[in-house]
């Protein structure tokens, strides 16, 4: 993690909160994909699907993924995802 990103996350106050940045979600997806590495192309597809959805949200469009709950940070306007919704979305995609 870069210094800039670490400082931004600290300023956002995400430590110990229920919210995750898009980078945190991608890291979580990578962990799950590596554990269940029977189908590496499935992991690539999952990360691509998340990236597509995140790009749409960042541009102000509606989310395609109904299970992914998000909110914009009030100061930085970054899209943040709840841990519970990320886990629910991930479970629905993996199973």
Protein backbone atom coordinates (compact mmCIF):
# COMPACT_ATOMS: atom_id res chain seq x y z
CA UNK A 1 0.00 0.00 0.00
CA UNK A 2 1.34 3.40 -0.94
CA UNK A 3 1.86 6.21 1.51
CA UNK A 4 -0.79 8.36 -0.14
CA UNK A 5 -3.40 5.63 0.05
CA UNK A 6 -2.52 4.85 3.66
CA UNK A 7 -2.84 8.52 4.65
CA UNK A 8 -6.13 8.86 2.78
CA UNK A 9 -7.56 5.78 4.49
CA UNK A 10 -6.45 7.16 7.85
CA UNK A 11 -8.08 10.52 7.13
CA UNK A 12 -11.26 8.76 6.04
CA UNK A 13 -11.40 6.96 9.39
CA UNK A 14 -12.00 3.49 7.96
CA UNK A 15 -9.99 1.58 10.57
CA UNK A 16 -12.45 -0.36 12.67
CA UNK A 17 -15.44 0.78 10.63
CA UNK A 18 -17.82 -1.37 8.63
CA UNK A 19 -16.74 0.22 5.32
CA UNK A 20 -14.23 -0.90 2.71
CA UNK A 21 -12.63 0.98 -0.16
CA UNK A 22 -12.63 -0.49 -3.65
CA UNK A 23 -8.97 -1.47 -3.16
CA UNK A 24 -9.91 -3.33 0.03
CA UNK A 25 -12.68 -5.16 -1.82
CA UNK A 26 -10.28 -6.13 -4.62
CA UNK A 27 -7.78 -7.44 -2.05
CA UNK A 28 -10.55 -9.48 -0.41
CA UNK A 29 -11.59 -10.88 -3.79
CA UNK A 30 -7.98 -11.83 -4.54
CA UNK A 31 -7.75 -13.68 -1.21
CA UNK A 32 -10.90 -15.66 -1.89
CA UNK A 33 -9.86 -16.43 -5.48
CA UNK A 34 -6.44 -17.69 -4.36
CA UNK A 35 -8.03 -20.01 -1.77
CA UNK A 36 -10.45 -21.47 -4.31
CA UNK A 37 -7.99 -21.55 -7.20
CA UNK A 38 -9.68 -24.37 -9.11
CA UNK A 39 -10.86 -21.87 -11.72
CA UNK A 40 -8.54 -18.85 -12.10
CA UNK A 41 -10.65 -17.45 -14.95
CA UNK A 42 -13.62 -17.32 -12.54
CA UNK A 43 -11.60 -15.06 -10.24
CA UNK A 44 -10.67 -12.78 -13.11
CA UNK A 45 -14.32 -12.59 -14.13
CA UNK A 46 -15.37 -11.77 -10.58
CA UNK A 47 -12.84 -8.95 -10.21
CA UNK A 48 -13.77 -7.60 -13.65
CA UNK A 49 -17.43 -7.60 -12.70
CA UNK A 50 -16.67 -5.69 -9.50
CA UNK A 51 -14.48 -3.19 -11.37
CA UNK A 52 -17.22 -2.58 -13.93
CA UNK A 53 -19.77 -1.94 -11.20
CA UNK A 54 -17.37 0.32 -9.27
CA UNK A 55 -16.63 2.37 -12.39
CA UNK A 56 -20.32 2.92 -12.97
CA UNK A 57 -20.85 4.03 -9.38
CA UNK A 58 -17.87 6.37 -9.57
CA UNK A 59 -19.41 8.01 -12.64
CA UNK A 60 -22.74 8.50 -10.88
CA UNK A 61 -24.67 5.74 -12.62
CA UNK A 62 -26.83 3.13 -10.91
CA UNK A 63 -25.38 -0.08 -9.55
CA UNK A 64 -25.94 -3.32 -11.45
CA UNK A 65 -25.07 -5.37 -8.38
CA UNK A 66 -28.02 -5.08 -6.03
CA UNK A 67 -26.31 -6.94 -3.17
CA UNK A 68 -23.39 -4.48 -3.00
CA UNK A 69 -24.44 -1.71 -0.65
CA UNK A 70 -22.39 1.43 -0.94
CA UNK A 71 -22.16 4.96 0.29
CA UNK A 72 -20.05 7.95 -0.68
CA UNK A 73 -17.59 9.33 1.82
CA UNK A 74 -18.84 12.78 2.79
CA UNK A 75 -15.44 14.51 2.44
CA UNK A 76 -13.58 12.57 -0.26
CA UNK A 77 -16.66 11.39 -2.22
CA UNK A 78 -15.09 7.94 -2.66
CA UNK A 79 -17.45 4.99 -3.05
CA UNK A 80 -17.30 2.81 0.07
CA UNK A 81 -18.82 -0.65 0.45
CA UNK A 82 -20.15 -2.29 3.60
CA UNK A 83 -18.27 -5.43 4.66
CA UNK A 84 -21.49 -7.36 5.13
CA UNK A 85 -22.72 -6.61 1.61
CA UNK A 86 -19.34 -7.47 0.07
CA UNK A 87 -19.36 -10.84 1.82
CA UNK A 88 -22.97 -11.48 0.75
CA UNK A 89 -22.18 -10.54 -2.87
CA UNK A 90 -19.06 -12.68 -2.85
CA UNK A 91 -20.97 -15.68 -1.46
CA UNK A 92 -23.65 -15.29 -4.12
CA UNK A 93 -21.03 -15.18 -6.87
CA UNK A 94 -18.85 -18.05 -5.63
CA UNK A 95 -21.68 -20.47 -4.81
